[in-house]
C-alpha cells in the first residue's frame, strides 16, 4: 500500500492511489451520510450538510472531484465557521481517479473526501 499520511493541526490528511480508492468505494457504499459536491451553489451543499447534522447524524462526508474540490472546502469552512460551531474536520482524504474520455483516452481526476464530525 502506498498511503501517505500527514497531520496538520490535528487534522489527518491521507493520499491514496486510484486502485485503493476504487476498493474503498466498493467496500463502503453507505451513502446516508455523504454529500456529493458538484456545480450547484455553495449554500445548497451547506444546507444539505446542516440538514444531515440536525437529522441526528454525528458524521458527514463531503465528497468532490476535479473543479468542485474548492467548493467542497468552502462548504466545510462555512458550516464550521458560520453555522455549526461544534463541527470539527475529522480528516481529509485526497486521491486520483482515472476517467475514460472520448476516443478511449484516459485522464486523471483529483478527488477529496472531507469528514465532518459533530
PDB file of N, CA and C in Angstrom:
ATOM      1  N   UNK A   1       0.822  -1.174   0.000  1.00  0.00           N
ATOM      2  CA  UNK A   1       0.000   0.000   0.000  1.00  0.00           C
ATOM      3  C   UNK A   1       0.870   1.242   0.000  1.00  0.00           C
ATOM      4  N   UNK A   2       0.506   2.204  -0.819  1.00  0.00           N
ATOM      5  CA  UNK A   2       1.289   3.425  -0.912  1.00  0.00           C
ATOM      6  C   UNK A   2       0.527   4.599  -0.332  1.00  0.00           C
ATOM      7  N   UNK A   3       0.019   4.464   0.883  1.00  0.00           N
ATOM      8  CA  UNK A   3      -0.653   5.568   1.552  1.00  0.00           C
ATOM      9  C   UNK A   3       0.391   6.546   2.062  1.00  0.00           C
ATOM     10  N   UNK A   4       0.060   7.803   1.970  1.00  0.00           N
ATOM     11  CA  UNK A   4       0.909   8.839   2.529  1.00  0.00           C
ATOM     12  C   UNK A   4       0.045   9.629   3.495  1.00  0.00           C
ATOM     13  N   UNK A   5       0.515   9.788   4.729  1.00  0.00           N
ATOM     14  CA  UNK A   5      -0.270  10.488   5.739  1.00  0.00           C
ATOM     15  C   UNK A   5       0.492  11.707   6.219  1.00  0.00           C
ATOM     16  N   UNK A   6      -0.260  12.753   6.536  1.00  0.00           N
ATOM     17  CA  UNK A   6       0.300  13.998   7.026  1.00  0.00           C
ATOM     18  C   UNK A   6      -0.685  14.550   8.040  1.00  0.00           C
ATOM     19  N   UNK A   7      -0.180  14.961   9.199  1.00  0.00           N
ATOM     20  CA  UNK A   7      -1.050  15.513  10.226  1.00  0.00           C
ATOM     21  C   UNK A   7      -0.736  16.990  10.377  1.00  0.00           C
ATOM     22  N   UNK A   8      -1.771  17.823  10.168  1.00  0.00           N
ATOM     23  CA  UNK A   8      -1.604  19.270  10.261  1.00  0.00           C
ATOM     24  C   UNK A   8      -2.639  19.798  11.240  1.00  0.00           C
ATOM     25  N   UNK A   9      -2.189  20.380  12.319  1.00  0.00           N
ATOM     26  CA  UNK A   9      -3.089  20.985  13.288  1.00  0.00           C
ATOM     27  C   UNK A   9      -4.169  20.039  13.789  1.00  0.00           C
ATOM     28  N   UNK A  10      -3.841  18.780  13.971  1.00  0.00           N
ATOM     29  CA  UNK A  10      -4.803  17.820  14.478  1.00  0.00           C
ATOM     30  C   UNK A  10      -5.680  17.186  13.420  1.00  0.00           C
ATOM     31  N   UNK A  11      -5.498  17.567  12.149  1.00  0.00           N
ATOM     32  CA  UNK A  11      -6.290  17.002  11.055  1.00  0.00           C
ATOM     33  C   UNK A  11      -5.430  16.008  10.300  1.00  0.00           C
ATOM     34  N   UNK A  12      -5.925  14.796  10.171  1.00  0.00           N
ATOM     35  CA  UNK A  12      -5.212  13.745   9.458  1.00  0.00           C
ATOM     36  C   UNK A  12      -5.528  13.847   7.963  1.00  0.00           C
ATOM     37  N   UNK A  13      -4.504  13.999   7.133  1.00  0.00           N
ATOM     38  CA  UNK A  13      -4.683  14.038   5.689  1.00  0.00           C
ATOM     39  C   UNK A  13      -4.042  12.794   5.099  1.00  0.00           C
ATOM     40  N   UNK A  14      -4.731  12.149   4.185  1.00  0.00           N
ATOM     41  CA  UNK A  14      -4.259  10.909   3.601  1.00  0.00           C
ATOM     42  C   UNK A  14      -4.380  10.966   2.093  1.00  0.00           C
ATOM     43  N   UNK A  15      -3.381  10.440   1.400  1.00  0.00           N
ATOM     44  CA  UNK A  15      -3.488  10.285  -0.049  1.00  0.00           C
ATOM     45  C   UNK A  15      -3.514   8.800  -0.357  1.00  0.00           C
ATOM     46  N   UNK A  16      -4.272   8.445  -1.371  1.00  0.00           N
ATOM     47  CA  UNK A  16      -4.376   7.049  -1.768  1.00  0.00           C
ATOM     48  C   UNK A  16      -4.270   6.956  -3.277  1.00  0.00           C
ATOM     49  N   UNK A  17      -3.751   5.844  -3.744  1.00  0.00           N
ATOM     50  CA  UNK A  17      -3.686   5.611  -5.172  1.00  0.00           C
ATOM     51  C   UNK A  17      -5.058   5.222  -5.701  1.00  0.00           C
ATOM     52  N   UNK A  18      -5.233   5.335  -7.000  1.00  0.00           N
ATOM     53  CA  UNK A  18      -6.512   5.099  -7.653  1.00  0.00           C
ATOM     54  C   UNK A  18      -7.112   3.741  -7.307  1.00  0.00           C
ATOM     55  N   UNK A  19      -6.327   2.690  -7.345  1.00  0.00           N
ATOM     56  CA  UNK A  19      -6.851   1.349  -7.104  1.00  0.00           C
ATOM     57  C   UNK A  19      -7.433   1.230  -5.702  1.00  0.00           C
ATOM     58  N   UNK A  20      -6.763   1.825  -4.722  1.00  0.00           N
ATOM     59  CA  UNK A  20      -7.214   1.739  -3.355  1.00  0.00           C
ATOM     60  C   UNK A  20      -8.507   2.518  -3.158  1.00  0.00           C
ATOM     61  N   UNK A  21      -8.646   3.653  -3.842  1.00  0.00           N
ATOM     62  CA  UNK A  21      -9.865   4.448  -3.746  1.00  0.00           C
ATOM     63  C   UNK A  21     -11.036   3.645  -4.304  1.00  0.00           C
ATOM     64  N   UNK A  22     -10.822   2.949  -5.423  1.00  0.00           N
ATOM     65  CA  UNK A  22     -11.878   2.130  -6.007  1.00  0.00           C
ATOM     66  C   UNK A  22     -12.290   1.014  -5.060  1.00  0.00           C
ATOM     67  N   UNK A  23     -11.326   0.389  -4.390  1.00  0.00           N
ATOM     68  CA  UNK A  23     -11.633  -0.674  -3.434  1.00  0.00           C
ATOM     69  C   UNK A  23     -12.492  -0.140  -2.300  1.00  0.00           C
ATOM     70  N   UNK A  24     -12.153   1.039  -1.788  1.00  0.00           N
ATOM     71  CA  UNK A  24     -12.911   1.617  -0.682  1.00  0.00           C
ATOM     72  C   UNK A  24     -14.340   1.951  -1.103  1.00  0.00           C
ATOM     73  N   UNK A  25     -14.525   2.424  -2.330  1.00  0.00           N
ATOM     74  CA  UNK A  25     -15.862   2.767  -2.807  1.00  0.00           C
ATOM     75  C   UNK A  25     -16.734   1.528  -2.880  1.00  0.00           C
ATOM     76  N   UNK A  26     -16.176   0.425  -3.341  1.00  0.00           N
ATOM     77  CA  UNK A  26     -16.947  -0.797  -3.463  1.00  0.00           C
ATOM     78  C   UNK A  26     -17.257  -1.389  -2.091  1.00  0.00           C
ATOM     79  N   UNK A  27     -16.316  -1.312  -1.176  1.00  0.00           N
ATOM     80  CA  UNK A  27     -16.492  -1.914   0.137  1.00  0.00           C
ATOM     81  C   UNK A  27     -17.438  -1.080   1.009  1.00  0.00           C
ATOM     82  N   UNK A  28     -17.383   0.243   0.894  1.00  0.00           N
ATOM     83  CA  UNK A  28     -18.150   1.129   1.763  1.00  0.00           C
ATOM     84  C   UNK A  28     -19.161   1.897   0.919  1.00  0.00           C
ATOM     85  N   UNK A  29     -20.367   1.401   0.837  1.00  0.00           N
ATOM     86  CA  UNK A  29     -21.361   2.017  -0.040  1.00  0.00           C
ATOM     87  C   UNK A  29     -22.576   2.503   0.739  1.00  0.00           C
ATOM     88  N   UNK A  30     -22.398   2.978   1.958  1.00  0.00           N
ATOM     89  CA  UNK A  30     -23.498   3.558   2.712  1.00  0.00           C
ATOM     90  C   UNK A  30     -23.447   5.063   2.508  1.00  0.00           C
ATOM     91  N   UNK A  31     -24.303   5.549   1.622  1.00  0.00           N
ATOM     92  CA  UNK A  31     -24.291   6.967   1.260  1.00  0.00           C
ATOM     93  C   UNK A  31     -25.248   7.807   2.086  1.00  0.00           C
ATOM     94  N   UNK A  32     -25.680   7.287   3.235  1.00  0.00           N
ATOM     95  CA  UNK A  32     -26.622   8.030   4.053  1.00  0.00           C
ATOM     96  C   UNK A  32     -26.015   9.316   4.605  1.00  0.00           C
ATOM     97  N   UNK A  33     -24.723   9.310   4.832  1.00  0.00           N
ATOM     98  CA  UNK A  33     -24.087  10.473   5.443  1.00  0.00           C
ATOM     99  C   UNK A  33     -23.100  11.146   4.486  1.00  0.00           C
ATOM    100  N   UNK A  34     -23.349  11.059   3.191  1.00  0.00           N
ATOM    101  CA  UNK A  34     -22.447  11.628   2.194  1.00  0.00           C
ATOM    102  C   UNK A  34     -23.161  12.730   1.416  1.00  0.00           C
ATOM    103  N   UNK A  35     -22.474  13.862   1.250  1.00  0.00           N
ATOM    104  CA  UNK A  35     -22.955  14.942   0.400  1.00  0.00           C
ATOM    105  C   UNK A  35     -21.969  15.062  -0.746  1.00  0.00           C
ATOM    106  N   UNK A  36     -22.448  14.805  -1.962  1.00  0.00           N
ATOM    107  CA  UNK A  36     -21.612  14.911  -3.150  1.00  0.00           C
ATOM    108  C   UNK A  36     -21.674  16.345  -3.665  1.00  0.00           C
ATOM    109  N   UNK A  37     -20.532  17.000  -3.711  1.00  0.00           N
ATOM    110  CA  UNK A  37     -20.467  18.402  -4.116  1.00  0.00           C
ATOM    111  C   UNK A  37     -20.217  18.475  -5.617  1.00  0.00           C
ATOM    112  N   UNK A  38     -21.047  19.270  -6.282  1.00  0.00           N
ATOM    113  CA  UNK A  38     -20.942  19.425  -7.731  1.00  0.00           C
ATOM    114  C   UNK A  38     -20.973  20.888  -8.123  1.00  0.00           C
ATOM    115  N   UNK A  39     -21.861  21.236  -9.061  1.00  0.00           N
ATOM    116  CA  UNK A  39     -21.874  22.584  -9.632  1.00  0.00           C
ATOM    117  C   UNK A  39     -22.970  23.493  -9.095  1.00  0.00           C
ATOM    118  N   UNK A  40     -23.784  23.000  -8.174  1.00  0.00           N
ATOM    119  CA  UNK A  40     -24.822  23.845  -7.587  1.00  0.00           C
ATOM    120  C   UNK A  40     -24.172  24.937  -6.744  1.00  0.00           C
ATOM    121  N   UNK A  41     -24.955  25.951  -6.366  1.00  0.00           N
ATOM    122  CA  UNK A  41     -24.407  26.993  -5.481  1.00  0.00           C
ATOM    123  C   UNK A  41     -23.937  26.411  -4.146  1.00  0.00           C
ATOM    124  N   UNK A  42     -22.923  27.012  -3.588  1.00  0.00           N
ATOM    125  CA  UNK A  42     -22.306  26.536  -2.350  1.00  0.00           C
ATOM    126  C   UNK A  42     -23.321  26.374  -1.226  1.00  0.00           C
ATOM    127  N   UNK A  43     -24.240  27.313  -1.105  1.00  0.00           N
ATOM    128  CA  UNK A  43     -25.192  27.271   0.001  1.00  0.00           C
ATOM    129  C   UNK A  43     -26.148  26.084  -0.095  1.00  0.00           C
ATOM    130  N   UNK A  44     -26.344  25.529  -1.268  1.00  0.00           N
ATOM    131  CA  UNK A  44     -27.163  24.316  -1.407  1.00  0.00           C
ATOM    132  C   UNK A  44     -26.522  23.158  -0.658  1.00  0.00           C
ATOM    133  N   UNK A  45     -25.221  23.046  -0.768  1.00  0.00           N
ATOM    134  CA  UNK A  45     -24.493  21.972  -0.087  1.00  0.00           C
ATOM    135  C   UNK A  45     -24.368  22.246   1.406  1.00  0.00           C
ATOM    136  N   UNK A  46     -24.231  23.520   1.776  1.00  0.00           N
ATOM    137  CA  UNK A  46     -24.202  23.887   3.196  1.00  0.00           C
ATOM    138  C   UNK A  46     -25.513  23.458   3.846  1.00  0.00           C
ATOM    139  N   UNK A  47     -26.633  23.747   3.194  1.00  0.00           N
ATOM    140  CA  UNK A  47     -27.942  23.358   3.711  1.00  0.00           C
ATOM    141  C   UNK A  47     -28.052  21.836   3.827  1.00  0.00           C
ATOM    142  N   UNK A  48     -27.531  21.120   2.842  1.00  0.00           N
ATOM    143  CA  UNK A  48     -27.574  19.656   2.880  1.00  0.00           C
ATOM    144  C   UNK A  48     -26.799  19.112   4.077  1.00  0.00           C
ATOM    145  N   UNK A  49     -25.636  19.676   4.352  1.00  0.00           N
ATOM    146  CA  UNK A  49     -24.824  19.231   5.498  1.00  0.00           C
ATOM    147  C   UNK A  49     -25.534  19.552   6.804  1.00  0.00           C
ATOM    148  N   UNK A  50     -26.071  20.754   6.924  1.00  0.00           N
ATOM    149  CA  UNK A  50     -26.778  21.151   8.144  1.00  0.00           C
ATOM    150  C   UNK A  50     -27.992  20.250   8.360  1.00  0.00           C
ATOM    151  N   UNK A  51     -28.694  19.916   7.292  1.00  0.00           N
ATOM    152  CA  UNK A  51     -29.847  19.021   7.382  1.00  0.00           C
ATOM    153  C   UNK A  51     -29.426  17.641   7.886  1.00  0.00           C
ATOM    154  N   UNK A  52     -28.299  17.149   7.405  1.00  0.00           N
ATOM    155  CA  UNK A  52     -27.789  15.852   7.870  1.00  0.00           C
ATOM    156  C   UNK A  52     -27.508  15.891   9.371  1.00  0.00           C
ATOM    157  N   UNK A  53     -26.833  16.930   9.817  1.00  0.00           N
ATOM    158  CA  UNK A  53     -26.489  17.033  11.236  1.00  0.00           C
ATOM    159  C   UNK A  53     -27.722  17.228  12.108  1.00  0.00           C
ATOM    160  N   UNK A  54     -28.670  18.064  11.690  1.00  0.00           N
ATOM    161  CA  UNK A  54     -29.869  18.281  12.503  1.00  0.00           C
ATOM    162  C   UNK A  54     -30.778  17.050  12.482  1.00  0.00           C
ATOM    163  N   UNK A  55     -30.583  16.164  11.510  1.00  0.00           N
ATOM    164  CA  UNK A  55     -31.322  14.917  11.447  1.00  0.00           C
ATOM    165  C   UNK A  55     -30.777  13.859  12.389  1.00  0.00           C
ATOM    166  N   UNK A  56     -29.733  14.177  13.128  1.00  0.00           N
ATOM    167  CA  UNK A  56     -29.221  13.267  14.137  1.00  0.00           C
ATOM    168  C   UNK A  56     -27.895  12.602  13.799  1.00  0.00           C
ATOM    169  N   UNK A  57     -27.374  12.816  12.602  1.00  0.00           N
ATOM    170  CA  UNK A  57     -26.084  12.206  12.257  1.00  0.00           C
ATOM    171  C   UNK A  57     -24.952  12.913  12.988  1.00  0.00           C
ATOM    172  N   UNK A  58     -23.942  12.144  13.358  1.00  0.00           N
ATOM    173  CA  UNK A  58     -22.770  12.700  14.045  1.00  0.00           C
ATOM    174  C   UNK A  58     -21.593  12.873  13.091  1.00  0.00           C
ATOM    175  N   UNK A  59     -21.690  12.283  11.888  1.00  0.00           N
ATOM    176  CA  UNK A  59     -20.585  12.321  10.922  1.00  0.00           C
ATOM    177  C   UNK A  59     -21.144  12.497   9.515  1.00  0.00           C
ATOM    178  N   UNK A  60     -20.580  13.456   8.775  1.00  0.00           N
ATOM    179  CA  UNK A  60     -20.987  13.705   7.390  1.00  0.00           C
ATOM    180  C   UNK A  60     -19.733  13.812   6.536  1.00  0.00           C
ATOM    181  N   UNK A  61     -19.767  13.167   5.372  1.00  0.00           N
ATOM    182  CA  UNK A  61     -18.657  13.226   4.429  1.00  0.00           C
ATOM    183  C   UNK A  61     -19.014  14.154   3.276  1.00  0.00           C
ATOM    184  N   UNK A  62     -18.113  15.058   2.948  1.00  0.00           N
ATOM    185  CA  UNK A  62     -18.231  15.895   1.757  1.00  0.00           C
ATOM    186  C   UNK A  62     -17.309  15.304   0.708  1.00  0.00           C
ATOM    187  N   UNK A  63     -17.853  14.921  -0.447  1.00  0.00           N
ATOM    188  CA  UNK A  63     -17.033  14.329  -1.492  1.00  0.00           C
ATOM    189  C   UNK A  63     -17.139  15.171  -2.750  1.00  0.00           C
ATOM    190  N   UNK A  64     -15.999  15.351  -3.417  1.00  0.00           N
ATOM    191  CA  UNK A  64     -15.972  16.137  -4.651  1.00  0.00           C
ATOM    192  C   UNK A  64     -14.838  15.656  -5.537  1.00  0.00           C
ATOM    193  N   UNK A  65     -14.965  15.988  -6.829  1.00  0.00           N
ATOM    194  CA  UNK A  65     -13.931  15.663  -7.810  1.00  0.00           C
ATOM    195  C   UNK A  65     -13.612  16.905  -8.637  1.00  0.00           C
ATOM    196  N   UNK A  66     -12.383  16.952  -9.112  1.00  0.00           N
ATOM    197  CA  UNK A  66     -11.978  17.986 -10.067  1.00  0.00           C
ATOM    198  C   UNK A  66     -12.183  19.403  -9.583  1.00  0.00           C
ATOM    199  N   UNK A  67     -12.861  20.190 -10.411  1.00  0.00           N
ATOM    200  CA  UNK A  67     -13.050  21.619 -10.120  1.00  0.00           C
ATOM    201  C   UNK A  67     -13.993  21.878  -8.947  1.00  0.00           C
ATOM    202  N   UNK A  68     -14.724  20.869  -8.513  1.00  0.00           N
ATOM    203  CA  UNK A  68     -15.651  21.031  -7.390  1.00  0.00           C
ATOM    204  C   UNK A  68     -14.957  20.915  -6.036  1.00  0.00           C
ATOM    205  N   UNK A  69     -13.689  20.568  -6.037  1.00  0.00           N
ATOM    206  CA  UNK A  69     -12.957  20.402  -4.775  1.00  0.00           C
ATOM    207  C   UNK A  69     -12.931  21.705  -3.979  1.00  0.00           C
ATOM    208  N   UNK A  70     -12.690  22.813  -4.632  1.00  0.00           N
ATOM    209  CA  UNK A  70     -12.637  24.087  -3.904  1.00  0.00           C
ATOM    210  C   UNK A  70     -14.001  24.434  -3.316  1.00  0.00           C
ATOM    211  N   UNK A  71     -15.077  24.063  -3.992  1.00  0.00           N
ATOM    212  CA  UNK A  71     -16.414  24.303  -3.461  1.00  0.00           C
ATOM    213  C   UNK A  71     -16.655  23.442  -2.212  1.00  0.00           C
ATOM    214  N   UNK A  72     -16.165  22.206  -2.217  1.00  0.00           N
ATOM    215  CA  UNK A  72     -16.311  21.329  -1.043  1.00  0.00           C
ATOM    216  C   UNK A  72     -15.568  21.906   0.161  1.00  0.00           C
ATOM    217  N   UNK A  73     -14.397  22.452  -0.072  1.00  0.00           N
ATOM    218  CA  UNK A  73     -13.635  23.088   1.010  1.00  0.00           C
ATOM    219  C   UNK A  73     -14.408  24.299   1.533  1.00  0.00           C
ATOM    220  N   UNK A  74     -14.983  25.091   0.636  1.00  0.00           N
ATOM    221  CA  UNK A  74     -15.789  26.242   1.046  1.00  0.00           C
ATOM    222  C   UNK A  74     -16.975  25.801   1.898  1.00  0.00           C
ATOM    223  N   UNK A  75     -17.651  24.739   1.486  1.00  0.00           N
ATOM    224  CA  UNK A  75     -18.802  24.230   2.231  1.00  0.00           C
ATOM    225  C   UNK A  75     -18.378  23.832   3.643  1.00  0.00           C
ATOM    226  N   UNK A  76     -17.296  23.101   3.767  1.00  0.00           N
ATOM    227  CA  UNK A  76     -16.820  22.675   5.086  1.00  0.00           C
ATOM    228  C   UNK A  76     -16.517  23.879   5.974  1.00  0.00           C
ATOM    229  N   UNK A  77     -15.855  24.862   5.424  1.00  0.00           N
ATOM    230  CA  UNK A  77     -15.492  26.042   6.214  1.00  0.00           C
ATOM    231  C   UNK A  77     -16.713  26.873   6.595  1.00  0.00           C
ATOM    232  N   UNK A  78     -17.676  27.019   5.697  1.00  0.00           N
ATOM    233  CA  UNK A  78     -18.886  27.789   6.005  1.00  0.00           C
ATOM    234  C   UNK A  78     -19.690  27.088   7.101  1.00  0.00           C
ATOM    235  N   UNK A  79     -19.850  25.773   6.980  1.00  0.00           N
ATOM    236  CA  UNK A  79     -20.591  25.031   8.007  1.00  0.00           C
ATOM    237  C   UNK A  79     -19.908  25.184   9.354  1.00  0.00           C
ATOM    238  N   UNK A  80     -18.602  25.013   9.373  1.00  0.00           N
ATOM    239  CA  UNK A  80     -17.835  25.032  10.624  1.00  0.00           C
ATOM    240  C   UNK A  80     -17.784  26.428  11.252  1.00  0.00           C
ATOM    241  N   UNK A  81     -17.582  27.448  10.448  1.00  0.00           N
ATOM    242  CA  UNK A  81     -17.346  28.790  10.996  1.00  0.00           C
ATOM    243  C   UNK A  81     -18.598  29.649  11.149  1.00  0.00           C
ATOM    244  N   UNK A  82     -19.633  29.419  10.339  1.00  0.00           N
ATOM    245  CA  UNK A  82     -20.800  30.302  10.385  1.00  0.00           C
ATOM    246  C   UNK A  82     -22.042  29.674  11.000  1.00  0.00           C
ATOM    247  N   UNK A  83     -22.218  28.364  10.847  1.00  0.00           N
ATOM    248  CA  UNK A  83     -23.491  27.767  11.233  1.00  0.00           C
ATOM    249  C   UNK A  83     -23.400  26.814  12.421  1.00  0.00           C
ATOM    250  N   UNK A  84     -22.479  25.885  12.399  1.00  0.00           N
ATOM    251  CA  UNK A  84     -22.388  24.891  13.469  1.00  0.00           C
ATOM    252  C   UNK A  84     -20.986  24.934  14.069  1.00  0.00           C
ATOM    253  N   UNK A  85     -20.843  25.691  15.133  1.00  0.00           N
ATOM    254  CA  UNK A  85     -19.525  25.891  15.740  1.00  0.00           C
ATOM    255  C   UNK A  85     -18.950  24.623  16.354  1.00  0.00           C
ATOM    256  N   UNK A  86     -19.824  23.656  16.680  1.00  0.00           N
ATOM    257  CA  UNK A  86     -19.341  22.426  17.305  1.00  0.00           C
ATOM    258  C   UNK A  86     -18.885  21.377  16.289  1.00  0.00           C
ATOM    259  N   UNK A  87     -18.948  21.687  15.018  1.00  0.00           N
ATOM    260  CA  UNK A  87     -18.500  20.753  13.971  1.00  0.00           C
ATOM    261  C   UNK A  87     -16.991  20.890  13.790  1.00  0.00           C
ATOM    262  N   UNK A  88     -16.326  19.752  13.719  1.00  0.00           N
ATOM    263  CA  UNK A  88     -14.872  19.714  13.521  1.00  0.00           C
ATOM    264  C   UNK A  88     -14.556  18.932  12.255  1.00  0.00           C
ATOM    265  N   UNK A  89     -13.453  19.269  11.623  1.00  0.00           N
ATOM    266  CA  UNK A  89     -12.973  18.498  10.481  1.00  0.00           C
ATOM    267  C   UNK A  89     -12.141  17.352  11.045  1.00  0.00           C
ATOM    268  N   UNK A  90     -12.665  16.132  10.911  1.00  0.00           N
ATOM    269  CA  UNK A  90     -12.020  14.950  11.470  1.00  0.00           C
ATOM    270  C   UNK A  90     -10.854  14.486  10.597  1.00  0.00           C
ATOM    271  N   UNK A  91     -11.012  14.569   9.294  1.00  0.00           N
ATOM    272  CA  UNK A  91      -9.955  14.114   8.403  1.00  0.00           C
ATOM    273  C   UNK A  91     -10.244  14.476   6.961  1.00  0.00           C
ATOM    274  N   UNK A  92      -9.207  14.440   6.157  1.00  0.00           N
ATOM    275  CA  UNK A  92      -9.325  14.746   4.740  1.00  0.00           C
ATOM    276  C   UNK A  92      -8.575  13.674   3.968  1.00  0.00           C
ATOM    277  N   UNK A  93      -9.261  13.060   3.017  1.00  0.00           N
ATOM    278  CA  UNK A  93      -8.613  12.085   2.146  1.00  0.00           C
ATOM    279  C   UNK A  93      -8.610  12.641   0.733  1.00  0.00           C
ATOM    280  N   UNK A  94      -7.451  12.586   0.108  1.00  0.00           N
ATOM    281  CA  UNK A  94      -7.354  13.015  -1.277  1.00  0.00           C
ATOM    282  C   UNK A  94      -6.881  11.843  -2.117  1.00  0.00           C
ATOM    283  N   UNK A  95      -7.252  11.863  -3.377  1.00  0.00           N
ATOM    284  CA  UNK A  95      -6.869  10.765  -4.250  1.00  0.00           C
ATOM    285  C   UNK A  95      -7.010  11.151  -5.711  1.00  0.00           C
ATOM    286  N   UNK A  96      -6.827  10.159  -6.562  1.00  0.00           N
ATOM    287  CA  UNK A  96      -6.923  10.352  -8.000  1.00  0.00           C
ATOM    288  C   UNK A  96      -7.742   9.218  -8.599  1.00  0.00           C
ATOM    289  N   UNK A  97      -8.660   9.577  -9.484  1.00  0.00           N
ATOM    290  CA  UNK A  97      -9.430   8.589 -10.236  1.00  0.00           C
ATOM    291  C   UNK A  97      -9.022   8.683 -11.692  1.00  0.00           C
ATOM    292  N   UNK A  98      -8.956   7.546 -12.335  1.00  0.00           N
ATOM    293  CA  UNK A  98      -8.672   7.524 -13.762  1.00  0.00           C
ATOM    294  C   UNK A  98     -10.001   7.458 -14.497  1.00  0.00           C
ATOM    295  N   UNK A  99     -10.299   8.455 -15.325  1.00  0.00           N
ATOM    296  CA  UNK A  99     -11.564   8.529 -16.057  1.00  0.00           C
ATOM    297  C   UNK A  99     -11.299   8.334 -17.545  1.00  0.00           C
ATOM    298  N   UNK A 100     -12.238   7.682 -18.211  1.00  0.00           N
ATOM    299  CA  UNK A 100     -12.115   7.483 -19.648  1.00  0.00           C
ATOM    300  C   UNK A 100     -12.932   8.556 -20.357  1.00  0.00           C
ATOM    301  N   UNK A 101     -12.296   9.246 -21.300  1.00  0.00           N
ATOM    302  CA  UNK A 101     -12.968  10.286 -22.074  1.00  0.00           C
ATOM    303  C   UNK A 101     -13.103   9.813 -23.520  1.00  0.00           C
ATOM    304  N   UNK A 102     -13.482  10.717 -24.420  1.00  0.00           N
ATOM    305  CA  UNK A 102     -13.721  10.360 -25.818  1.00  0.00           C
ATOM    306  C   UNK A 102     -12.525   9.644 -26.449  1.00  0.00           C
ATOM    307  N   UNK A 103     -12.829   8.778 -27.367  1.00  0.00           N
ATOM    308  CA  UNK A 103     -11.834   8.012 -28.126  1.00  0.00           C
ATOM    309  C   UNK A 103     -10.970   7.109 -27.245  1.00  0.00           C
ATOM    310  N   UNK A 104     -11.440   6.738 -26.093  1.00  0.00           N
ATOM    311  CA  UNK A 104     -10.711   5.807 -25.240  1.00  0.00           C
ATOM    312  C   UNK A 104      -9.546   6.409 -24.480  1.00  0.00           C
ATOM    313  N   UNK A 105      -9.352   7.705 -24.570  1.00  0.00           N
ATOM    314  CA  UNK A 105      -8.275   8.357 -23.808  1.00  0.00           C
ATOM    315  C   UNK A 105      -8.626   8.362 -22.333  1.00  0.00           C
ATOM    316  N   UNK A 106      -7.611   8.309 -21.497  1.00  0.00           N
ATOM    317  CA  UNK A 106      -7.822   8.321 -20.052  1.00  0.00           C
ATOM    318  C   UNK A 106      -7.187   9.570 -19.455  1.00  0.00           C
ATOM    319  N   UNK A 107      -7.890  10.129 -18.475  1.00  0.00           N
ATOM    320  CA  UNK A 107      -7.365  11.292 -17.764  1.00  0.00           C
ATOM    321  C   UNK A 107      -7.444  11.021 -16.266  1.00  0.00           C
ATOM    322  N   UNK A 108      -6.627  11.718 -15.499  1.00  0.00           N
ATOM    323  CA  UNK A 108      -6.653  11.625 -14.043  1.00  0.00           C
ATOM    324  C   UNK A 108      -7.484  12.774 -13.491  1.00  0.00           C
ATOM    325  N   UNK A 109      -8.371  12.454 -12.546  1.00  0.00           N
ATOM    326  CA  UNK A 109      -9.207  13.457 -11.902  1.00  0.00           C
ATOM    327  C   UNK A 109      -8.959  13.384 -10.402  1.00  0.00           C
ATOM    328  N   UNK A 110      -8.663  14.515  -9.792  1.00  0.00           N
ATOM    329  CA  UNK A 110      -8.420  14.579  -8.354  1.00  0.00           C
ATOM    330  C   UNK A 110      -9.729  14.423  -7.587  1.00  0.00           C
ATOM    331  N   UNK A 111      -9.650  13.810  -6.398  1.00  0.00           N
ATOM    332  CA  UNK A 111     -10.821  13.633  -5.547  1.00  0.00           C
ATOM    333  C   UNK A 111     -10.500  14.069  -4.122  1.00  0.00           C
ATOM    334  N   UNK A 112     -11.544  14.407  -3.374  1.00  0.00           N
ATOM    335  CA  UNK A 112     -11.390  14.766  -1.972  1.00  0.00           C
ATOM    336  C   UNK A 112     -12.579  14.231  -1.192  1.00  0.00           C
ATOM    337  N   UNK A 113     -12.318  13.811   0.038  1.00  0.00           N
ATOM    338  CA  UNK A 113     -13.355  13.372   0.972  1.00  0.00           C
ATOM    339  C   UNK A 113     -13.058  14.069   2.302  1.00  0.00           C
ATOM    340  N   UNK A 114     -13.923  15.010   2.684  1.00  0.00           N
ATOM    341  CA  UNK A 114     -13.760  15.762   3.923  1.00  0.00           C
ATOM    342  C   UNK A 114     -14.732  15.182   4.946  1.00  0.00           C
ATOM    343  N   UNK A 115     -14.213  14.696   6.056  1.00  0.00           N
ATOM    344  CA  UNK A 115     -15.035  14.068   7.102  1.00  0.00           C
ATOM    345  C   UNK A 115     -15.312  15.108   8.190  1.00  0.00           C
ATOM    346  N   UNK A 116     -16.593  15.456   8.338  1.00  0.00           N
ATOM    347  CA  UNK A 116     -17.020  16.408   9.357  1.00  0.00           C
ATOM    348  C   UNK A 116     -17.639  15.646  10.514  1.00  0.00           C
ATOM    349  N   UNK A 117     -17.291  16.045  11.736  1.00  0.00           N
ATOM    350  CA  UNK A 117     -17.767  15.361  12.936  1.00  0.00           C
ATOM    351  C   UNK A 117     -18.418  16.373  13.871  1.00  0.00           C
ATOM    352  N   UNK A 118     -19.563  16.000  14.419  1.00  0.00           N
ATOM    353  CA  UNK A 118     -20.270  16.891  15.362  1.00  0.00           C
ATOM    354  C   UNK A 118     -20.077  16.390  16.765  1.00  0.00           C
TER     355      UNK A 118
END
